[in-house]
Amino acid sequence: VQAGGSLRLSCAASGLTFSSVTMGWFRLA
C-alpha cells in the first residue's frame, strides 16, 4: 500500500475457545 493508505488485517482462530483468549498483534521489521 502507498503511504497514507489503509489496510485491514484479519486473524482467524481455531482449536481454542476464542472468547477466552486475549488477542494481540505484533510486528517484526
PDB file of all heavy atoms in Angstrom:
ATOM      1  N   VAL A   1       0.857  -1.188   0.000  1.00  0.00           N
ATOM      2  CA  VAL A   1       0.000   0.000   0.000  1.00  0.00           C
ATOM      3  C   VAL A   1       0.892   1.236   0.000  1.00  0.00           C
ATOM      4  O   VAL A   1       2.028   1.192   0.495  1.00  0.00           O
ATOM      5  CB  VAL A   1      -0.933  -0.016   1.234  1.00  0.00           C
ATOM      6  CG1 VAL A   1      -0.140   0.069   2.526  1.00  0.00           C
ATOM      7  CG2 VAL A   1      -1.983   1.075   1.158  1.00  0.00           C
ATOM      8  N   GLN A   2       0.389   2.311  -0.550  1.00  0.00           N
ATOM      9  CA  GLN A   2       1.147   3.556  -0.549  1.00  0.00           C
ATOM     10  C   GLN A   2       1.026   4.255   0.804  1.00  0.00           C
ATOM     11  O   GLN A   2       0.037   4.063   1.536  1.00  0.00           O
ATOM     12  CB  GLN A   2       0.642   4.487  -1.648  1.00  0.00           C
ATOM     13  CG  GLN A   2       1.025   4.041  -3.046  1.00  0.00           C
ATOM     14  CD  GLN A   2       0.696   5.104  -4.078  1.00  0.00           C
ATOM     15  OE1 GLN A   2      -0.238   5.883  -3.909  1.00  0.00           O
ATOM     16  NE2 GLN A   2       1.473   5.130  -5.153  1.00  0.00           N
ATOM     17  N   ALA A   3       2.001   5.062   1.120  1.00  0.00           N
ATOM     18  CA  ALA A   3       1.956   5.839   2.357  1.00  0.00           C
ATOM     19  C   ALA A   3       0.675   6.656   2.410  1.00  0.00           C
ATOM     20  O   ALA A   3       0.246   7.222   1.409  1.00  0.00           O
ATOM     21  CB  ALA A   3       3.174   6.755   2.439  1.00  0.00           C
ATOM     22  N   GLY A   4       0.071   6.679   3.579  1.00  0.00           N
ATOM     23  CA  GLY A   4      -1.202   7.357   3.758  1.00  0.00           C
ATOM     24  C   GLY A   4      -2.404   6.469   3.530  1.00  0.00           C
ATOM     25  O   GLY A   4      -3.540   6.856   3.844  1.00  0.00           O
ATOM     26  N   GLY A   5      -2.173   5.288   2.989  1.00  0.00           N
ATOM     27  CA  GLY A   5      -3.257   4.369   2.704  1.00  0.00           C
ATOM     28  C   GLY A   5      -3.667   3.537   3.913  1.00  0.00           C
ATOM     29  O   GLY A   5      -3.168   3.738   5.028  1.00  0.00           O
ATOM     30  N   SER A   6      -4.562   2.597   3.657  1.00  0.00           N
ATOM     31  CA  SER A   6      -5.120   1.765   4.730  1.00  0.00           C
ATOM     32  C   SER A   6      -5.074   0.293   4.355  1.00  0.00           C
ATOM     33  O   SER A   6      -5.102  -0.068   3.177  1.00  0.00           O
ATOM     34  CB  SER A   6      -6.583   2.158   5.001  1.00  0.00           C
ATOM     35  OG  SER A   6      -6.687   3.489   5.426  1.00  0.00           O
ATOM     36  N   LEU A   7      -5.018  -0.525   5.386  1.00  0.00           N
ATOM     37  CA  LEU A   7      -5.140  -1.976   5.238  1.00  0.00           C
ATOM     38  C   LEU A   7      -5.920  -2.499   6.429  1.00  0.00           C
ATOM     39  O   LEU A   7      -5.836  -1.934   7.519  1.00  0.00           O
ATOM     40  CB  LEU A   7      -3.771  -2.665   5.195  1.00  0.00           C
ATOM     41  CG  LEU A   7      -2.989  -2.695   3.896  1.00  0.00           C
ATOM     42  CD1 LEU A   7      -1.630  -3.334   4.129  1.00  0.00           C
ATOM     43  CD2 LEU A   7      -3.748  -3.409   2.795  1.00  0.00           C
ATOM     44  N   ARG A   8      -6.605  -3.589   6.204  1.00  0.00           N
ATOM     45  CA  ARG A   8      -7.294  -4.267   7.307  1.00  0.00           C
ATOM     46  C   ARG A   8      -6.799  -5.697   7.387  1.00  0.00           C
ATOM     47  O   ARG A   8      -6.983  -6.468   6.434  1.00  0.00           O
ATOM     48  CB  ARG A   8      -8.802  -4.244   7.106  1.00  0.00           C
ATOM     49  CG  ARG A   8      -9.582  -4.749   8.310  1.00  0.00           C
ATOM     50  CD  ARG A   8     -11.022  -5.007   7.955  1.00  0.00           C
ATOM     51  NE  ARG A   8     -11.881  -5.122   9.128  1.00  0.00           N
ATOM     52  CZ  ARG A   8     -13.040  -5.786   9.121  1.00  0.00           C
ATOM     53  NH1 ARG A   8     -13.474  -6.373   8.024  1.00  0.00           N
ATOM     54  NH2 ARG A   8     -13.775  -5.835  10.231  1.00  0.00           N
ATOM     55  N   LEU A   9      -6.183  -6.027   8.478  1.00  0.00           N
ATOM     56  CA  LEU A   9      -5.725  -7.392   8.704  1.00  0.00           C
ATOM     57  C   LEU A   9      -6.785  -8.152   9.493  1.00  0.00           C
ATOM     58  O   LEU A   9      -7.469  -7.590  10.342  1.00  0.00           O
ATOM     59  CB  LEU A   9      -4.416  -7.402   9.483  1.00  0.00           C
ATOM     60  CG  LEU A   9      -3.250  -6.599   8.901  1.00  0.00           C
ATOM     61  CD1 LEU A   9      -2.006  -6.809   9.754  1.00  0.00           C
ATOM     62  CD2 LEU A   9      -2.991  -6.958   7.460  1.00  0.00           C
ATOM     63  N   SER A  10      -6.875  -9.436   9.191  1.00  0.00           N
ATOM     64  CA  SER A  10      -7.767 -10.323   9.943  1.00  0.00           C
ATOM     65  C   SER A  10      -6.961 -11.508  10.442  1.00  0.00           C
ATOM     66  O   SER A  10      -5.970 -11.906   9.819  1.00  0.00           O
ATOM     67  CB  SER A  10      -8.909 -10.836   9.050  1.00  0.00           C
ATOM     68  OG  SER A  10      -9.656  -9.791   8.513  1.00  0.00           O
ATOM     69  N   CYS A  11      -7.394 -12.076  11.537  1.00  0.00           N
ATOM     70  CA  CYS A  11      -6.772 -13.284  12.065  1.00  0.00           C
ATOM     71  C   CYS A  11      -7.878 -14.220  12.495  1.00  0.00           C
ATOM     72  O   CYS A  11      -8.643 -13.900  13.415  1.00  0.00           O
ATOM     73  CB  CYS A  11      -5.845 -12.956  13.222  1.00  0.00           C
ATOM     74  SG  CYS A  11      -5.188 -14.407  14.075  1.00  0.00           S
ATOM     75  N   ALA A  12      -7.962 -15.349  11.818  1.00  0.00           N
ATOM     76  CA  ALA A  12      -8.983 -16.345  12.141  1.00  0.00           C
ATOM     77  C   ALA A  12      -8.376 -17.408  13.046  1.00  0.00           C
ATOM     78  O   ALA A  12      -7.318 -17.968  12.731  1.00  0.00           O
ATOM     79  CB  ALA A  12      -9.512 -16.972  10.865  1.00  0.00           C
ATOM     80  N   ALA A  13      -9.055 -17.679  14.143  1.00  0.00           N
ATOM     81  CA  ALA A  13      -8.554 -18.636  15.127  1.00  0.00           C
ATOM     82  C   ALA A  13      -9.401 -19.901  15.136  1.00  0.00           C
ATOM     83  O   ALA A  13     -10.618 -19.860  14.919  1.00  0.00           O
ATOM     84  CB  ALA A  13      -8.554 -18.010  16.519  1.00  0.00           C
ATOM     85  N   SER A  14      -8.752 -21.012  15.388  1.00  0.00           N
ATOM     86  CA  SER A  14      -9.456 -22.280  15.542  1.00  0.00           C
ATOM     87  C   SER A  14      -8.709 -23.130  16.554  1.00  0.00           C
ATOM     88  O   SER A  14      -7.535 -22.903  16.842  1.00  0.00           O
ATOM     89  CB  SER A  14      -9.566 -23.011  14.197  1.00  0.00           C
ATOM     90  OG  SER A  14      -8.279 -23.280  13.674  1.00  0.00           O
ATOM     91  N   GLY A  15      -9.426 -24.118  17.104  1.00  0.00           N
ATOM     92  CA  GLY A  15      -8.793 -25.024  18.052  1.00  0.00           C
ATOM     93  C   GLY A  15      -8.707 -24.484  19.457  1.00  0.00           C
ATOM     94  O   GLY A  15      -8.022 -25.081  20.303  1.00  0.00           O
ATOM     95  N   LEU A  16      -9.362 -23.352  19.730  1.00  0.00           N
ATOM     96  CA  LEU A  16      -9.365 -22.793  21.070  1.00  0.00           C
ATOM     97  C   LEU A  16     -10.704 -22.115  21.324  1.00  0.00           C
ATOM     98  O   LEU A  16     -11.495 -21.915  20.407  1.00  0.00           O
ATOM     99  CB  LEU A  16      -8.216 -21.798  21.266  1.00  0.00           C
ATOM    100  CG  LEU A  16      -7.949 -20.730  20.200  1.00  0.00           C
ATOM    101  CD1 LEU A  16      -9.017 -19.673  20.148  1.00  0.00           C
ATOM    102  CD2 LEU A  16      -6.584 -20.100  20.430  1.00  0.00           C
ATOM    103  N   THR A  17     -10.957 -21.797  22.588  1.00  0.00           N
ATOM    104  CA  THR A  17     -12.167 -21.062  22.941  1.00  0.00           C
ATOM    105  C   THR A  17     -11.870 -19.586  22.772  1.00  0.00           C
ATOM    106  O   THR A  17     -11.283 -18.935  23.651  1.00  0.00           O
ATOM    107  CB  THR A  17     -12.590 -21.376  24.386  1.00  0.00           C
ATOM    108  OG1 THR A  17     -12.764 -22.786  24.539  1.00  0.00           O
ATOM    109  CG2 THR A  17     -13.900 -20.659  24.718  1.00  0.00           C
ATOM    110  N   PHE A  18     -12.264 -19.062  21.623  1.00  0.00           N
ATOM    111  CA  PHE A  18     -11.815 -17.728  21.225  1.00  0.00           C
ATOM    112  C   PHE A  18     -12.239 -16.662  22.222  1.00  0.00           C
ATOM    113  O   PHE A  18     -11.497 -15.720  22.480  1.00  0.00           O
ATOM    114  CB  PHE A  18     -12.353 -17.399  19.834  1.00  0.00           C
ATOM    115  CG  PHE A  18     -11.818 -16.122  19.268  1.00  0.00           C
ATOM    116  CD1 PHE A  18     -10.524 -16.063  18.776  1.00  0.00           C
ATOM    117  CD2 PHE A  18     -12.601 -14.978  19.233  1.00  0.00           C
ATOM    118  CE1 PHE A  18     -10.017 -14.889  18.254  1.00  0.00           C
ATOM    119  CE2 PHE A  18     -12.105 -13.792  18.706  1.00  0.00           C
ATOM    120  CZ  PHE A  18     -10.804 -13.755  18.222  1.00  0.00           C
ATOM    121  N   SER A  19     -13.412 -16.791  22.793  1.00  0.00           N
ATOM    122  CA  SER A  19     -13.903 -15.775  23.727  1.00  0.00           C
ATOM    123  C   SER A  19     -13.142 -15.789  25.049  1.00  0.00           C
ATOM    124  O   SER A  19     -13.353 -14.914  25.894  1.00  0.00           O
ATOM    125  CB  SER A  19     -15.398 -15.992  24.004  1.00  0.00           C
ATOM    126  OG  SER A  19     -15.616 -17.279  24.540  1.00  0.00           O
ATOM    127  N   SER A  20     -12.248 -16.727  25.219  1.00  0.00           N
ATOM    128  CA  SER A  20     -11.456 -16.829  26.450  1.00  0.00           C
ATOM    129  C   SER A  20      -9.966 -16.691  26.198  1.00  0.00           C
ATOM    130  O   SER A  20      -9.138 -17.254  26.937  1.00  0.00           O
ATOM    131  CB  SER A  20     -11.729 -18.163  27.166  1.00  0.00           C
ATOM    132  OG  SER A  20     -13.080 -18.252  27.564  1.00  0.00           O
ATOM    133  N   VAL A  21      -9.610 -15.975  25.158  1.00  0.00           N
ATOM    134  CA  VAL A  21      -8.195 -15.674  24.913  1.00  0.00           C
ATOM    135  C   VAL A  21      -8.037 -14.186  24.631  1.00  0.00           C
ATOM    136  O   VAL A  21      -8.878 -13.576  23.963  1.00  0.00           O
ATOM    137  CB  VAL A  21      -7.576 -16.493  23.759  1.00  0.00           C
ATOM    138  CG1 VAL A  21      -7.439 -17.952  24.150  1.00  0.00           C
ATOM    139  CG2 VAL A  21      -8.371 -16.349  22.484  1.00  0.00           C
ATOM    140  N   THR A  22      -6.968 -13.641  25.150  1.00  0.00           N
ATOM    141  CA  THR A  22      -6.549 -12.295  24.777  1.00  0.00           C
ATOM    142  C   THR A  22      -5.862 -12.387  23.426  1.00  0.00           C
ATOM    143  O   THR A  22      -5.073 -13.306  23.181  1.00  0.00           O
ATOM    144  CB  THR A  22      -5.581 -11.742  25.830  1.00  0.00           C
ATOM    145  OG1 THR A  22      -6.301 -11.538  27.049  1.00  0.00           O
ATOM    146  CG2 THR A  22      -4.952 -10.433  25.376  1.00  0.00           C
ATOM    147  N   MET A  23      -6.169 -11.457  22.558  1.00  0.00           N
ATOM    148  CA  MET A  23      -5.557 -11.454  21.230  1.00  0.00           C
ATOM    149  C   MET A  23      -4.640 -10.247  21.078  1.00  0.00           C
ATOM    150  O   MET A  23      -4.908  -9.173  21.614  1.00  0.00           O
ATOM    151  CB  MET A  23      -6.631 -11.418  20.153  1.00  0.00           C
ATOM    152  CG  MET A  23      -7.537 -12.640  20.134  1.00  0.00           C
ATOM    153  SD  MET A  23      -6.642 -14.184  19.859  1.00  0.00           S
ATOM    154  CE  MET A  23      -5.989 -13.921  18.216  1.00  0.00           C
ATOM    155  N   GLY A  24      -3.585 -10.444  20.331  1.00  0.00           N
ATOM    156  CA  GLY A  24      -2.653  -9.347  20.115  1.00  0.00           C
ATOM    157  C   GLY A  24      -2.113  -9.362  18.704  1.00  0.00           C
ATOM    158  O   GLY A  24      -2.173 -10.380  18.006  1.00  0.00           O
ATOM    159  N   TRP A  25      -1.610  -8.220  18.282  1.00  0.00           N
ATOM    160  CA  TRP A  25      -0.881  -8.093  17.019  1.00  0.00           C
ATOM    161  C   TRP A  25       0.520  -7.597  17.354  1.00  0.00           C
ATOM    162  O   TRP A  25       0.687  -6.621  18.089  1.00  0.00           O
ATOM    163  CB  TRP A  25      -1.565  -7.099  16.085  1.00  0.00           C
ATOM    164  CG  TRP A  25      -2.849  -7.594  15.475  1.00  0.00           C
ATOM    165  CD1 TRP A  25      -4.112  -7.355  15.919  1.00  0.00           C
ATOM    166  CD2 TRP A  25      -2.982  -8.387  14.295  1.00  0.00           C
ATOM    167  NE1 TRP A  25      -5.019  -7.973  15.103  1.00  0.00           N
ATOM    168  CE2 TRP A  25      -4.360  -8.598  14.091  1.00  0.00           C
ATOM    169  CE3 TRP A  25      -2.083  -8.942  13.385  1.00  0.00           C
ATOM    170  CZ2 TRP A  25      -4.855  -9.343  13.019  1.00  0.00           C
ATOM    171  CZ3 TRP A  25      -2.568  -9.676  12.319  1.00  0.00           C
ATOM    172  CH2 TRP A  25      -3.947  -9.877  12.142  1.00  0.00           C
ATOM    173  N   PHE A  26       1.494  -8.274  16.789  1.00  0.00           N
ATOM    174  CA  PHE A  26       2.892  -7.873  16.899  1.00  0.00           C
ATOM    175  C   PHE A  26       3.426  -7.684  15.487  1.00  0.00           C
ATOM    176  O   PHE A  26       2.849  -8.166  14.517  1.00  0.00           O
ATOM    177  CB  PHE A  26       3.709  -8.959  17.619  1.00  0.00           C
ATOM    178  CG  PHE A  26       3.441  -9.040  19.092  1.00  0.00           C
ATOM    179  CD1 PHE A  26       2.271  -9.601  19.574  1.00  0.00           C
ATOM    180  CD2 PHE A  26       4.367  -8.565  20.012  1.00  0.00           C
ATOM    181  CE1 PHE A  26       2.013  -9.678  20.937  1.00  0.00           C
ATOM    182  CE2 PHE A  26       4.125  -8.637  21.376  1.00  0.00           C
ATOM    183  CZ  PHE A  26       2.949  -9.195  21.830  1.00  0.00           C
ATOM    184  N   ARG A  27       4.564  -7.012  15.405  1.00  0.00           N
ATOM    185  CA  ARG A  27       5.184  -6.870  14.093  1.00  0.00           C
ATOM    186  C   ARG A  27       6.689  -6.993  14.221  1.00  0.00           C
ATOM    187  O   ARG A  27       7.281  -6.695  15.268  1.00  0.00           O
ATOM    188  CB  ARG A  27       4.788  -5.547  13.436  1.00  0.00           C
ATOM    189  CG  ARG A  27       5.364  -4.302  14.085  1.00  0.00           C
ATOM    190  CD  ARG A  27       4.808  -3.062  13.399  1.00  0.00           C
ATOM    191  NE  ARG A  27       5.481  -1.843  13.850  1.00  0.00           N
ATOM    192  CZ  ARG A  27       5.143  -0.625  13.452  1.00  0.00           C
ATOM    193  NH1 ARG A  27       4.126  -0.457  12.601  1.00  0.00           N
ATOM    194  NH2 ARG A  27       5.803   0.427  13.903  1.00  0.00           N
ATOM    195  N   LEU A  28       7.283  -7.433  13.112  1.00  0.00           N
ATOM    196  CA  LEU A  28       8.725  -7.606  13.054  1.00  0.00           C
ATOM    197  C   LEU A  28       9.225  -7.049  11.742  1.00  0.00           C
ATOM    198  O   LEU A  28       8.826  -7.516  10.668  1.00  0.00           O
ATOM    199  CB  LEU A  28       9.083  -9.096  13.167  1.00  0.00           C
ATOM    200  CG  LEU A  28      10.560  -9.437  13.156  1.00  0.00           C
ATOM    201  CD1 LEU A  28      11.273  -8.784  14.338  1.00  0.00           C
ATOM    202  CD2 LEU A  28      10.772 -10.948  13.191  1.00  0.00           C
ATOM    203  N   ALA A  29      10.066  -6.034  11.845  1.00  0.00           N
ATOM    204  CA  ALA A  29      10.654  -5.408  10.668  1.00  0.00           C
ATOM    205  C   ALA A  29      12.126  -5.812  10.580  1.00  0.00           C
ATOM    206  O   ALA A  29      12.759  -6.088  11.602  1.00  0.00           O
ATOM    207  CB  ALA A  29      10.527  -3.895  10.769  1.00  0.00           C
TER     208      ALA A  29
END
